Structures are given as structure tokens and as C-alpha cells.
């Protein structure tokens, strides 16, 4: 599927840490109701067999609401459930290899921390970049920090959309204004919140303002 950069405005990355008795499907459903524009299913700890059925249901949910769904790092699962694409990190599969496996009609997202990584990812077929961590984060302890100037330079160096990730919440996202990003990717700012629908709607409104500022 072709990627519209507007799809990347509010990008939700799933995390089971905050299920609190709920299931992932219901959390994603609430996030979509709140206005999430893109979903990444991120399951670093669980084998594919444990999550395949739930992933298929989430794919149907995303399809029904016309929200793209990508799978983090697991190309086999992405192909199995006919996800809209995959997202790979610098320590995961090489972007060019991922592109060959998923074909040209799927979305390929790549994590980048430097201009060099960003330019190479675009050259190797990335449709968008996830850049961060732009703020300190507990979700990814090994994430390298990317300051505002570096984020801006990455946005200027590539022609594909850039999404900022890492420690972003409603109180600090305004600091990313003018960097050139087209959206934010968040985990806890949505899924750790008591009222996911409301938290998502607030984030979306603030992100739109930040992009337009």
C-alpha cells in the first residue's frame, strides 16, 4: 500500500506492559477510537505462535478503520497476517533485505539515529523513518538519544517522512515543533494511560498543532 505522510501523524506502538487485565485488541481499539493514525505491533518477547491469532484480529480491526498496521521486526508474521508492512531497527534485519522479502507494495519503516543511517535506509527502500529517542524513555533502555538539531538534520537529509519516537508525551511534544517531522510515535503516552481514548484524542490534537506551528 502507498503511504500518505498524514497516516504517520499519531503512530501507536503496542506494549503488553500496561494491559492490566485487558487484552491488546481492546487497547488498540480504544487508541483507534481516540484517533490513532498508524499502529505498530511490537512483540519482542513473545514467539509468533503465541500472538498470531490476536495479530490477525488486530489486522482486521485496523483494516476496518483504514489504519495501517506494521509489524516490528517480524517479517514472517507480517507476511502471514498480510500486514501493511514491517518496521526494522538498526540491529534487526537490514532494510534492503526486508524490502526484498516484503516486496514493493508493502510499507517499510526503519529506525535511525544518524543522518548516515537515515540516508542509507532511504536508499535501501524505506518508506518512512522512526527517529529517536528524542527524549529520555523507559520503554527502550538501549535507545540512543537524538537531540533536536540531529532530528532536524535527519529530516533535511531525506525525502521520506520522519516520525520522532522516544519519551514523547503531551507535555513535551511541543518542543519538536519546526524539526521537520510529520508525526510522533508513542507507547506509554497512549497505552499506559487510564483513559486511552481521551489520551489519544488529546495527543492527536496537540501533535497537529505542533506540526502546523
N, C-alpha and C. Protein backbone atom coordinates (compact mmCIF):
# COMPACT_ATOMS: atom_id res chain seq x y z
N UNK A 1 0.84 -1.20 0.00
CA UNK A 1 0.00 0.00 0.00
C UNK A 1 0.87 1.24 0.00
N UNK A 2 0.37 2.30 -0.61
CA UNK A 2 1.15 3.53 -0.61
C UNK A 2 0.94 4.25 0.72
N UNK A 3 1.97 4.92 1.15
CA UNK A 3 1.94 5.58 2.45
C UNK A 3 1.75 7.08 2.28
N UNK A 4 0.71 7.59 2.90
CA UNK A 4 0.49 9.03 2.93
C UNK A 4 1.11 9.54 4.23
N UNK A 5 1.89 10.60 4.17
CA UNK A 5 2.55 11.04 5.41
C UNK A 5 1.57 11.46 6.50
N UNK A 6 0.33 11.79 6.09
CA UNK A 6 -0.70 12.11 7.10
C UNK A 6 -1.02 10.90 7.97
N UNK A 7 -0.79 9.69 7.42
CA UNK A 7 -1.02 8.46 8.19
C UNK A 7 -0.09 8.36 9.39
N UNK A 8 1.01 9.10 9.35
CA UNK A 8 2.03 8.98 10.39
C UNK A 8 1.90 10.03 11.49
N UNK A 9 0.83 10.80 11.47
CA UNK A 9 0.65 11.88 12.45
C UNK A 9 0.73 11.38 13.89
N UNK A 10 -0.06 10.36 14.20
CA UNK A 10 -0.04 9.79 15.56
C UNK A 10 0.08 8.28 15.45
N UNK A 11 1.28 7.81 15.74
CA UNK A 11 1.72 6.44 15.48
C UNK A 11 1.81 5.73 16.84
N UNK A 12 1.00 4.70 17.03
CA UNK A 12 0.98 3.98 18.31
C UNK A 12 1.79 2.68 18.21
N UNK A 13 2.68 2.48 19.16
CA UNK A 13 3.47 1.26 19.24
C UNK A 13 2.98 0.45 20.43
N UNK A 14 2.55 -0.78 20.20
CA UNK A 14 1.94 -1.57 21.28
C UNK A 14 2.99 -2.04 22.28
N UNK A 15 2.50 -2.29 23.50
CA UNK A 15 3.35 -2.79 24.57
C UNK A 15 2.45 -3.49 25.59
N UNK A 16 2.79 -4.73 25.92
CA UNK A 16 1.94 -5.50 26.84
C UNK A 16 2.13 -5.11 28.30
N UNK A 17 3.09 -4.25 28.59
CA UNK A 17 3.40 -3.90 29.99
C UNK A 17 2.21 -3.31 30.73
N UNK A 18 1.30 -2.67 29.99
CA UNK A 18 0.22 -1.94 30.66
C UNK A 18 -1.16 -2.52 30.39
N UNK A 19 -1.22 -3.81 30.11
CA UNK A 19 -2.53 -4.41 29.81
C UNK A 19 -3.46 -4.40 31.02
N UNK A 20 -2.92 -4.62 32.19
CA UNK A 20 -3.71 -4.58 33.44
C UNK A 20 -5.01 -5.36 33.32
N UNK A 21 -4.90 -6.59 32.85
CA UNK A 21 -6.09 -7.43 32.75
C UNK A 21 -6.85 -7.29 31.44
N UNK A 22 -6.57 -6.26 30.66
CA UNK A 22 -7.21 -6.11 29.36
C UNK A 22 -6.43 -6.88 28.31
N UNK A 23 -6.99 -7.00 27.11
CA UNK A 23 -6.20 -7.60 26.04
C UNK A 23 -5.73 -6.52 25.08
N UNK A 24 -4.75 -6.88 24.27
CA UNK A 24 -4.13 -5.92 23.37
C UNK A 24 -5.14 -5.39 22.35
N UNK A 25 -6.00 -6.28 21.89
CA UNK A 25 -7.03 -5.87 20.91
C UNK A 25 -7.86 -4.70 21.43
N UNK A 26 -8.32 -4.81 22.67
CA UNK A 26 -9.18 -3.76 23.22
C UNK A 26 -8.41 -2.45 23.38
N UNK A 27 -7.12 -2.55 23.71
CA UNK A 27 -6.32 -1.33 23.84
C UNK A 27 -6.11 -0.66 22.48
N UNK A 28 -5.83 -1.45 21.47
CA UNK A 28 -5.65 -0.90 20.11
C UNK A 28 -6.97 -0.29 19.63
N UNK A 29 -8.06 -0.99 19.93
CA UNK A 29 -9.39 -0.48 19.52
C UNK A 29 -9.67 0.89 20.15
N UNK A 30 -9.32 1.05 21.42
CA UNK A 30 -9.51 2.35 22.10
C UNK A 30 -8.61 3.42 21.47
N UNK A 31 -7.38 3.05 21.18
CA UNK A 31 -6.45 4.00 20.57
C UNK A 31 -6.96 4.47 19.21
N UNK A 32 -7.51 3.55 18.43
CA UNK A 32 -8.07 3.91 17.12
C UNK A 32 -9.28 4.81 17.30
N UNK A 33 -10.10 4.50 18.29
CA UNK A 33 -11.26 5.35 18.57
C UNK A 33 -10.83 6.76 18.93
N UNK A 34 -9.69 6.86 19.62
CA UNK A 34 -9.18 8.17 20.02
C UNK A 34 -8.52 8.94 18.89
N UNK A 35 -8.25 8.24 17.78
CA UNK A 35 -7.72 8.94 16.62
C UNK A 35 -6.33 8.55 16.15
N UNK A 36 -5.81 7.44 16.64
CA UNK A 36 -4.51 6.97 16.17
C UNK A 36 -4.55 6.77 14.65
N UNK A 37 -3.46 7.14 13.97
CA UNK A 37 -3.45 7.07 12.50
C UNK A 37 -2.58 5.94 11.96
N UNK A 38 -1.83 5.27 12.85
CA UNK A 38 -0.89 4.22 12.42
C UNK A 38 -0.61 3.34 13.63
N UNK A 39 -0.51 2.03 13.41
CA UNK A 39 -0.24 1.11 14.53
C UNK A 39 0.93 0.19 14.19
N UNK A 40 1.84 0.06 15.16
CA UNK A 40 2.91 -0.93 15.06
C UNK A 40 2.72 -1.97 16.16
N UNK A 41 2.63 -3.22 15.74
CA UNK A 41 2.53 -4.32 16.70
C UNK A 41 3.96 -4.73 17.05
N UNK A 42 4.34 -4.48 18.31
CA UNK A 42 5.72 -4.73 18.73
C UNK A 42 5.73 -5.83 19.79
N UNK A 43 6.23 -6.98 19.41
CA UNK A 43 6.24 -8.14 20.32
C UNK A 43 7.64 -8.75 20.33
N UNK A 44 8.52 -8.12 21.08
CA UNK A 44 9.91 -8.59 21.10
C UNK A 44 10.08 -9.87 21.91
N UNK A 45 9.21 -10.06 22.91
CA UNK A 45 9.42 -11.16 23.86
C UNK A 45 8.69 -12.45 23.50
N UNK A 46 7.57 -12.32 22.79
CA UNK A 46 6.72 -13.49 22.57
C UNK A 46 6.96 -14.15 21.21
N UNK A 47 6.95 -15.50 21.17
CA UNK A 47 7.06 -16.17 19.87
C UNK A 47 5.80 -15.93 19.03
N UNK A 48 5.98 -15.97 17.72
CA UNK A 48 4.88 -15.68 16.79
C UNK A 48 3.65 -16.53 17.06
N UNK A 49 3.83 -17.81 17.37
CA UNK A 49 2.69 -18.71 17.57
C UNK A 49 1.76 -18.21 18.68
N UNK A 50 2.33 -17.57 19.69
CA UNK A 50 1.51 -17.09 20.83
C UNK A 50 0.62 -15.91 20.48
N UNK A 51 0.98 -15.18 19.46
CA UNK A 51 0.29 -13.92 19.19
C UNK A 51 -0.37 -13.85 17.82
N UNK A 52 -0.25 -14.93 17.06
CA UNK A 52 -0.73 -14.90 15.67
C UNK A 52 -2.22 -14.61 15.56
N UNK A 53 -3.03 -15.29 16.38
CA UNK A 53 -4.49 -15.09 16.30
C UNK A 53 -4.88 -13.67 16.68
N UNK A 54 -4.26 -13.17 17.74
CA UNK A 54 -4.55 -11.80 18.17
C UNK A 54 -4.10 -10.80 17.10
N UNK A 55 -2.95 -11.07 16.50
CA UNK A 55 -2.44 -10.19 15.44
C UNK A 55 -3.39 -10.15 14.25
N UNK A 56 -3.96 -11.29 13.91
CA UNK A 56 -4.92 -11.35 12.78
C UNK A 56 -6.17 -10.51 13.09
N UNK A 57 -6.63 -10.59 14.34
CA UNK A 57 -7.81 -9.80 14.75
C UNK A 57 -7.50 -8.30 14.72
N UNK A 58 -6.30 -7.95 15.19
CA UNK A 58 -5.89 -6.53 15.18
C UNK A 58 -5.77 -6.03 13.75
N UNK A 59 -5.28 -6.89 12.85
CA UNK A 59 -5.18 -6.50 11.43
C UNK A 59 -6.57 -6.20 10.86
N UNK A 60 -7.55 -7.04 11.18
CA UNK A 60 -8.93 -6.80 10.71
C UNK A 60 -9.48 -5.49 11.26
N UNK A 61 -9.20 -5.24 12.54
CA UNK A 61 -9.64 -4.01 13.20
C UNK A 61 -9.04 -2.78 12.50
N UNK A 62 -7.75 -2.86 12.23
CA UNK A 62 -7.07 -1.75 11.56
C UNK A 62 -7.60 -1.55 10.14
N UNK A 63 -7.82 -2.64 9.43
CA UNK A 63 -8.38 -2.57 8.07
C UNK A 63 -9.73 -1.87 8.07
N UNK A 64 -10.57 -2.29 9.01
CA UNK A 64 -11.93 -1.73 9.09
C UNK A 64 -11.90 -0.22 9.30
N UNK A 65 -10.89 0.25 10.03
CA UNK A 65 -10.78 1.67 10.34
C UNK A 65 -9.78 2.41 9.44
N UNK A 66 -9.28 1.69 8.43
CA UNK A 66 -8.32 2.26 7.47
C UNK A 66 -7.10 2.86 8.15
N UNK A 67 -6.59 2.11 9.13
CA UNK A 67 -5.37 2.49 9.84
C UNK A 67 -4.29 1.47 9.47
N UNK A 68 -3.16 1.92 8.89
CA UNK A 68 -2.10 0.97 8.54
C UNK A 68 -1.54 0.25 9.76
N UNK A 69 -1.24 -1.04 9.59
CA UNK A 69 -0.63 -1.85 10.65
C UNK A 69 0.68 -2.42 10.15
N UNK A 70 1.77 -2.14 10.89
CA UNK A 70 3.05 -2.76 10.58
C UNK A 70 3.49 -3.61 11.77
N UNK A 71 4.31 -4.59 11.46
CA UNK A 71 4.83 -5.49 12.50
C UNK A 71 6.29 -5.15 12.76
N UNK A 72 6.66 -5.07 14.02
CA UNK A 72 8.05 -4.77 14.36
C UNK A 72 8.92 -5.99 14.13
N UNK A 73 9.86 -5.87 13.21
CA UNK A 73 10.98 -6.81 13.08
C UNK A 73 10.60 -8.21 12.57
N UNK A 74 9.33 -8.61 12.64
CA UNK A 74 8.97 -9.99 12.31
C UNK A 74 8.35 -10.07 10.91
N UNK A 75 9.22 -10.23 9.92
CA UNK A 75 8.76 -10.24 8.53
C UNK A 75 7.83 -11.43 8.27
N UNK A 76 8.16 -12.58 8.86
CA UNK A 76 7.33 -13.78 8.65
C UNK A 76 5.90 -13.54 9.12
N UNK A 77 5.75 -12.94 10.30
CA UNK A 77 4.41 -12.68 10.80
C UNK A 77 3.70 -11.64 9.95
N UNK A 78 4.43 -10.63 9.51
CA UNK A 78 3.84 -9.60 8.66
C UNK A 78 3.26 -10.22 7.40
N UNK A 79 4.00 -11.15 6.81
CA UNK A 79 3.54 -11.82 5.58
C UNK A 79 2.35 -12.73 5.91
N UNK A 80 2.47 -13.46 7.02
CA UNK A 80 1.42 -14.42 7.43
C UNK A 80 0.06 -13.74 7.62
N UNK A 81 0.05 -12.57 8.27
CA UNK A 81 -1.25 -11.92 8.55
C UNK A 81 -1.59 -10.85 7.50
N UNK A 82 -0.73 -10.76 6.47
CA UNK A 82 -0.91 -9.75 5.41
C UNK A 82 -0.96 -8.35 6.00
N UNK A 83 -0.02 -8.07 6.92
CA UNK A 83 0.08 -6.73 7.50
C UNK A 83 0.45 -5.74 6.39
N UNK A 84 0.29 -4.46 6.69
CA UNK A 84 0.60 -3.44 5.69
C UNK A 84 2.09 -3.24 5.52
N UNK A 85 2.87 -3.79 6.44
CA UNK A 85 4.32 -3.68 6.30
C UNK A 85 5.06 -4.09 7.55
N UNK A 86 6.34 -3.75 7.59
CA UNK A 86 7.20 -4.07 8.74
C UNK A 86 8.02 -2.85 9.13
N UNK A 87 8.47 -2.85 10.38
CA UNK A 87 9.40 -1.83 10.85
C UNK A 87 10.63 -2.53 11.39
N UNK A 88 11.81 -2.14 10.91
CA UNK A 88 13.04 -2.78 11.39
C UNK A 88 13.96 -1.75 12.02
N UNK A 89 14.67 -2.19 13.06
CA UNK A 89 15.64 -1.35 13.74
C UNK A 89 17.02 -1.56 13.16
N UNK A 90 17.99 -0.79 13.63
CA UNK A 90 19.36 -0.90 13.13
C UNK A 90 19.98 -2.26 13.49
N UNK A 91 19.49 -2.87 14.59
CA UNK A 91 20.06 -4.16 14.99
C UNK A 91 19.21 -5.32 14.49
N UNK A 92 18.13 -5.01 13.79
CA UNK A 92 17.27 -6.07 13.24
C UNK A 92 17.74 -6.38 11.82
N UNK A 93 16.81 -6.79 10.99
CA UNK A 93 17.13 -7.11 9.61
C UNK A 93 17.52 -5.86 8.82
N UNK A 94 18.49 -6.02 7.92
CA UNK A 94 18.92 -4.91 7.06
C UNK A 94 17.76 -4.48 6.16
N UNK A 95 17.60 -3.18 6.00
CA UNK A 95 16.42 -2.63 5.30
C UNK A 95 16.24 -3.17 3.89
N UNK A 96 17.33 -3.25 3.15
CA UNK A 96 17.24 -3.75 1.77
C UNK A 96 16.75 -5.18 1.72
N UNK A 97 17.20 -5.99 2.67
CA UNK A 97 16.78 -7.39 2.73
C UNK A 97 15.29 -7.47 3.09
N UNK A 98 14.88 -6.65 4.05
CA UNK A 98 13.46 -6.63 4.44
C UNK A 98 12.60 -6.23 3.23
N UNK A 99 13.05 -5.23 2.48
CA UNK A 99 12.30 -4.78 1.29
C UNK A 99 12.15 -5.92 0.28
N UNK A 100 13.21 -6.66 0.06
CA UNK A 100 13.14 -7.77 -0.90
C UNK A 100 12.12 -8.83 -0.44
N UNK A 101 12.07 -9.09 0.86
CA UNK A 101 11.17 -10.12 1.40
C UNK A 101 9.70 -9.69 1.34
N UNK A 102 9.43 -8.43 1.63
CA UNK A 102 8.02 -8.00 1.68
C UNK A 102 7.50 -7.49 0.34
N UNK A 103 8.42 -7.22 -0.59
CA UNK A 103 8.00 -6.72 -1.91
C UNK A 103 7.82 -5.20 -1.89
N UNK A 104 7.49 -4.67 -3.06
CA UNK A 104 7.42 -3.21 -3.20
C UNK A 104 6.08 -2.61 -2.80
N UNK A 105 5.07 -3.46 -2.56
CA UNK A 105 3.74 -2.94 -2.27
C UNK A 105 3.43 -2.84 -0.78
N UNK A 106 4.41 -3.13 0.04
CA UNK A 106 4.23 -3.05 1.50
C UNK A 106 5.04 -1.88 2.07
N UNK A 107 4.63 -1.43 3.24
CA UNK A 107 5.31 -0.31 3.89
C UNK A 107 6.55 -0.83 4.63
N UNK A 108 7.66 -0.12 4.46
CA UNK A 108 8.88 -0.44 5.20
C UNK A 108 9.30 0.77 6.03
N UNK A 109 9.29 0.59 7.35
CA UNK A 109 9.78 1.62 8.26
C UNK A 109 11.11 1.20 8.83
N UNK A 110 12.00 2.15 9.03
CA UNK A 110 13.33 1.85 9.55
C UNK A 110 13.69 2.84 10.66
N UNK A 111 14.26 2.33 11.75
CA UNK A 111 14.74 3.19 12.83
C UNK A 111 16.09 3.78 12.45
N UNK A 112 16.30 5.05 12.80
CA UNK A 112 17.58 5.69 12.51
C UNK A 112 17.93 6.66 13.63
N UNK A 113 19.22 6.79 13.89
CA UNK A 113 19.70 7.74 14.90
C UNK A 113 20.64 8.79 14.31
N UNK A 114 21.12 8.54 13.09
CA UNK A 114 22.09 9.46 12.48
C UNK A 114 21.68 9.77 11.05
N UNK A 115 22.25 10.83 10.50
CA UNK A 115 22.00 11.20 9.10
C UNK A 115 22.44 10.06 8.18
N UNK A 116 23.58 9.46 8.48
CA UNK A 116 24.11 8.37 7.64
C UNK A 116 23.13 7.19 7.60
N UNK A 117 22.64 6.81 8.77
CA UNK A 117 21.67 5.70 8.83
C UNK A 117 20.40 6.04 8.07
N UNK A 118 19.96 7.28 8.21
CA UNK A 118 18.73 7.74 7.56
C UNK A 118 18.84 7.70 6.04
N UNK A 119 19.94 8.23 5.52
CA UNK A 119 20.16 8.28 4.08
C UNK A 119 20.26 6.86 3.50
N UNK A 120 20.97 5.98 4.22
CA UNK A 120 21.12 4.59 3.77
C UNK A 120 19.77 3.88 3.77
N UNK A 121 18.98 4.11 4.81
CA UNK A 121 17.65 3.47 4.90
C UNK A 121 16.78 3.89 3.73
N UNK A 122 16.79 5.18 3.39
CA UNK A 122 16.00 5.65 2.25
C UNK A 122 16.48 5.00 0.96
N UNK A 123 17.78 4.93 0.80
CA UNK A 123 18.37 4.32 -0.40
C UNK A 123 17.97 2.84 -0.52
N UNK A 124 17.85 2.18 0.63
CA UNK A 124 17.51 0.75 0.65
C UNK A 124 16.02 0.47 0.63
N UNK A 125 15.22 1.51 0.41
CA UNK A 125 13.79 1.26 0.19
C UNK A 125 12.85 1.60 1.32
N UNK A 126 13.34 2.29 2.37
CA UNK A 126 12.45 2.67 3.48
C UNK A 126 11.40 3.67 2.99
N UNK A 127 10.17 3.52 3.51
CA UNK A 127 9.08 4.45 3.19
C UNK A 127 8.99 5.57 4.21
N UNK A 128 9.46 5.29 5.42
CA UNK A 128 9.48 6.32 6.47
C UNK A 128 10.56 5.94 7.47
N UNK A 129 10.95 6.90 8.30
CA UNK A 129 11.93 6.66 9.35
C UNK A 129 11.33 6.92 10.73
N UNK A 130 11.71 6.10 11.69
CA UNK A 130 11.42 6.36 13.10
C UNK A 130 12.71 6.82 13.75
N UNK A 131 12.75 8.05 14.23
CA UNK A 131 14.00 8.61 14.74
C UNK A 131 13.89 8.92 16.23
N UNK A 132 14.85 8.43 17.00
CA UNK A 132 14.85 8.65 18.44
C UNK A 132 15.89 7.80 19.13
N UNK A 133 15.94 7.90 20.45
CA UNK A 133 14.94 8.52 21.31
C UNK A 133 15.17 10.04 21.41
N UNK A 134 14.08 10.80 21.18
CA UNK A 134 14.21 12.26 21.22
C UNK A 134 14.13 12.81 22.64
N UNK A 135 13.55 12.03 23.55
CA UNK A 135 13.54 12.36 24.98
C UNK A 135 13.89 11.09 25.75
N UNK A 136 14.31 11.21 27.01
CA UNK A 136 14.59 10.00 27.80
C UNK A 136 13.36 9.09 27.86
N UNK A 137 13.60 7.78 27.79
CA UNK A 137 12.48 6.84 27.77
C UNK A 137 12.80 5.59 28.56
N UNK A 138 11.77 5.03 29.19
CA UNK A 138 11.92 3.75 29.91
C UNK A 138 11.61 2.56 29.00
N UNK A 139 10.91 2.83 27.89
CA UNK A 139 10.45 1.74 27.04
C UNK A 139 11.59 1.05 26.31
N UNK A 140 12.62 1.84 25.94
CA UNK A 140 13.75 1.25 25.22
C UNK A 140 15.03 1.68 25.92
N UNK A 141 15.51 0.82 26.78
CA UNK A 141 16.67 1.18 27.60
C UNK A 141 17.93 1.34 26.76
N UNK A 142 17.97 0.69 25.58
CA UNK A 142 19.18 0.76 24.76
C UNK A 142 19.09 1.85 23.68
N UNK A 143 18.02 2.65 23.72
CA UNK A 143 17.84 3.67 22.68
C UNK A 143 18.86 4.79 22.83
N UNK A 144 19.48 5.11 21.71
CA UNK A 144 20.42 6.23 21.72
C UNK A 144 19.64 7.53 21.64
N UNK A 145 20.10 8.55 22.32
CA UNK A 145 19.41 9.83 22.29
C UNK A 145 19.72 10.59 21.00
N UNK A 146 18.70 11.25 20.48
CA UNK A 146 18.84 12.10 19.29
C UNK A 146 18.36 13.49 19.68
N UNK A 147 19.27 14.47 19.68
CA UNK A 147 18.85 15.81 20.08
C UNK A 147 18.09 16.51 18.95
N UNK A 148 17.52 17.65 19.27
CA UNK A 148 16.67 18.38 18.32
C UNK A 148 17.41 18.69 17.02
N UNK A 149 18.65 19.16 17.12
CA UNK A 149 19.41 19.52 15.91
C UNK A 149 19.66 18.31 15.03
N UNK A 150 19.97 17.18 15.65
CA UNK A 150 20.20 15.95 14.88
C UNK A 150 18.92 15.50 14.19
N UNK A 151 17.80 15.62 14.90
CA UNK A 151 16.50 15.26 14.34
C UNK A 151 16.22 16.13 13.11
N UNK A 152 16.47 17.41 13.24
CA UNK A 152 16.24 18.36 12.15
C UNK A 152 17.13 18.03 10.94
N UNK A 153 18.39 17.71 11.21
CA UNK A 153 19.32 17.37 10.12
C UNK A 153 18.88 16.11 9.38
N UNK A 154 18.37 15.14 10.14
CA UNK A 154 17.88 13.91 9.51
C UNK A 154 16.69 14.23 8.60
N UNK A 155 15.77 15.04 9.09
CA UNK A 155 14.59 15.42 8.29
C UNK A 155 15.01 16.13 7.01
N UNK A 156 16.04 16.95 7.10
CA UNK A 156 16.52 17.71 5.93
C UNK A 156 17.28 16.82 4.95
N UNK A 157 17.85 15.71 5.45
CA UNK A 157 18.70 14.86 4.61
C UNK A 157 17.93 13.85 3.76
N UNK A 158 16.68 13.61 4.11
CA UNK A 158 15.90 12.59 3.39
C UNK A 158 14.61 13.20 2.82
N UNK A 159 14.05 12.51 1.83
CA UNK A 159 12.80 12.99 1.24
C UNK A 159 11.59 12.19 1.74
N UNK A 160 11.86 11.12 2.50
CA UNK A 160 10.76 10.32 3.05
C UNK A 160 10.32 10.90 4.41
N UNK A 161 9.09 10.60 4.85
CA UNK A 161 8.60 11.15 6.12
C UNK A 161 9.41 10.63 7.32
N UNK A 162 9.50 11.49 8.33
CA UNK A 162 10.21 11.13 9.57
C UNK A 162 9.25 11.27 10.75
N UNK A 163 9.25 10.23 11.59
CA UNK A 163 8.45 10.22 12.81
C UNK A 163 9.42 10.23 13.99
N UNK A 164 9.17 11.09 14.96
CA UNK A 164 10.00 11.12 16.17
C UNK A 164 9.44 10.13 17.18
N UNK A 165 10.33 9.46 17.90
CA UNK A 165 9.92 8.49 18.91
C UNK A 165 10.82 8.60 20.14
N UNK A 166 10.29 8.21 21.27
CA UNK A 166 11.10 8.11 22.48
C UNK A 166 10.77 9.15 23.54
N UNK A 167 10.03 8.73 24.55
CA UNK A 167 9.75 9.61 25.68
C UNK A 167 8.81 10.77 25.39
N UNK A 168 8.11 10.70 24.27
CA UNK A 168 7.23 11.82 23.89
C UNK A 168 5.91 11.72 24.64
N UNK A 169 5.45 12.86 25.18
CA UNK A 169 4.15 12.90 25.83
C UNK A 169 3.49 14.26 25.58
N UNK A 170 2.30 14.45 26.11
CA UNK A 170 1.55 15.68 25.83
C UNK A 170 2.24 16.93 26.37
N UNK A 171 3.12 16.75 27.35
CA UNK A 171 3.78 17.90 27.97
C UNK A 171 5.05 18.35 27.26
N UNK A 172 5.65 17.46 26.45
CA UNK A 172 6.93 17.85 25.83
C UNK A 172 6.90 17.85 24.31
N UNK A 173 5.82 17.37 23.70
CA UNK A 173 5.85 17.24 22.24
C UNK A 173 5.98 18.57 21.51
N UNK A 174 5.56 19.66 22.16
CA UNK A 174 5.67 20.99 21.52
C UNK A 174 7.13 21.36 21.23
N UNK A 175 8.06 20.74 21.97
CA UNK A 175 9.49 21.04 21.77
C UNK A 175 10.01 20.53 20.43
N UNK A 176 9.22 19.69 19.75
CA UNK A 176 9.64 19.13 18.46
C UNK A 176 9.19 19.99 17.29
N UNK A 177 8.47 21.06 17.58
CA UNK A 177 7.95 21.95 16.53
C UNK A 177 9.09 22.51 15.68
N UNK A 178 8.89 22.52 14.36
CA UNK A 178 9.88 23.08 13.45
C UNK A 178 11.01 22.15 13.07
N UNK A 179 10.98 20.92 13.58
CA UNK A 179 12.07 19.97 13.30
C UNK A 179 11.95 19.34 11.92
N UNK A 180 10.74 19.36 11.36
CA UNK A 180 10.54 18.75 10.04
C UNK A 180 9.85 17.40 10.09
N UNK A 181 9.55 16.91 11.30
CA UNK A 181 8.86 15.62 11.41
C UNK A 181 7.41 15.75 10.93
N UNK A 182 6.82 14.61 10.57
CA UNK A 182 5.42 14.64 10.14
C UNK A 182 4.51 13.99 11.18
N UNK A 183 5.10 13.51 12.29
CA UNK A 183 4.29 12.90 13.33
C UNK A 183 5.14 12.38 14.47
N UNK A 184 4.44 11.83 15.47
CA UNK A 184 5.13 11.25 16.63
C UNK A 184 4.70 9.80 16.82
N UNK A 185 5.63 9.00 17.32
CA UNK A 185 5.32 7.62 17.69
C UNK A 185 5.42 7.50 19.20
N UNK A 186 4.39 6.93 19.81
CA UNK A 186 4.36 6.85 21.27
C UNK A 186 3.94 5.46 21.74
N UNK A 187 4.34 5.15 22.95
CA UNK A 187 3.95 3.88 23.57
C UNK A 187 3.17 4.20 24.84
N UNK A 188 3.90 4.59 25.90
CA UNK A 188 3.24 4.81 27.19
C UNK A 188 2.28 5.99 27.19
N UNK A 189 2.54 7.00 26.35
CA UNK A 189 1.66 8.18 26.32
C UNK A 189 0.24 7.81 25.88
N UNK A 190 0.10 6.62 25.29
CA UNK A 190 -1.25 6.10 24.96
C UNK A 190 -1.57 4.90 25.86
N UNK A 191 -0.75 3.85 25.78
CA UNK A 191 -1.14 2.57 26.38
C UNK A 191 -0.99 2.50 27.90
N UNK A 192 -0.25 3.42 28.48
CA UNK A 192 -0.14 3.42 29.96
C UNK A 192 -1.17 4.33 30.61
N UNK A 193 -2.02 4.93 29.79
CA UNK A 193 -2.99 5.89 30.33
C UNK A 193 -4.29 5.21 30.76
N UNK A 194 -4.92 5.74 31.79
CA UNK A 194 -6.17 5.16 32.30
C UNK A 194 -7.27 5.26 31.26
N UNK A 195 -7.39 6.42 30.63
CA UNK A 195 -8.40 6.61 29.59
C UNK A 195 -7.68 6.74 28.24
N UNK A 196 -7.53 5.60 27.57
CA UNK A 196 -6.76 5.56 26.32
C UNK A 196 -7.40 6.42 25.23
N UNK A 197 -8.72 6.39 25.13
CA UNK A 197 -9.42 7.15 24.09
C UNK A 197 -9.15 8.64 24.26
N UNK A 198 -9.32 9.12 25.48
CA UNK A 198 -9.13 10.55 25.76
C UNK A 198 -7.66 10.96 25.58
N UNK A 199 -6.75 10.14 26.10
CA UNK A 199 -5.31 10.44 25.99
C UNK A 199 -4.89 10.53 24.53
N UNK A 200 -5.42 9.63 23.71
CA UNK A 200 -5.09 9.60 22.28
C UNK A 200 -5.63 10.84 21.58
N UNK A 201 -6.88 11.19 21.87
CA UNK A 201 -7.50 12.37 21.24
C UNK A 201 -6.73 13.65 21.59
N UNK A 202 -6.31 13.76 22.84
CA UNK A 202 -5.54 14.93 23.27
C UNK A 202 -4.20 15.00 22.54
N UNK A 203 -3.51 13.86 22.49
CA UNK A 203 -2.21 13.80 21.81
C UNK A 203 -2.34 14.18 20.34
N UNK A 204 -3.40 13.68 19.71
CA UNK A 204 -3.58 13.95 18.27
C UNK A 204 -3.76 15.45 18.03
N UNK A 205 -4.57 16.06 18.85
CA UNK A 205 -4.84 17.50 18.71
C UNK A 205 -3.55 18.31 18.90
N UNK A 206 -2.79 17.96 19.93
CA UNK A 206 -1.54 18.66 20.23
C UNK A 206 -0.49 18.44 19.14
N UNK A 207 -0.47 17.22 18.61
CA UNK A 207 0.50 16.90 17.54
C UNK A 207 0.20 17.68 16.28
N UNK A 208 -1.07 17.77 15.94
CA UNK A 208 -1.49 18.53 14.76
C UNK A 208 -1.09 20.00 14.90
N UNK A 209 -1.29 20.54 16.10
CA UNK A 209 -0.90 21.93 16.36
C UNK A 209 0.61 22.10 16.23
N UNK A 210 1.36 21.15 16.77
CA UNK A 210 2.83 21.21 16.73
C UNK A 210 3.33 21.15 15.28
N UNK A 211 2.74 20.28 14.47
CA UNK A 211 3.16 20.14 13.06
C UNK A 211 2.86 21.43 12.30
N UNK A 212 1.70 22.02 12.60
CA UNK A 212 1.26 23.22 11.87
C UNK A 212 1.94 24.50 12.35
N UNK A 213 2.55 24.45 13.52
CA UNK A 213 3.13 25.67 14.12
C UNK A 213 4.28 26.22 13.28
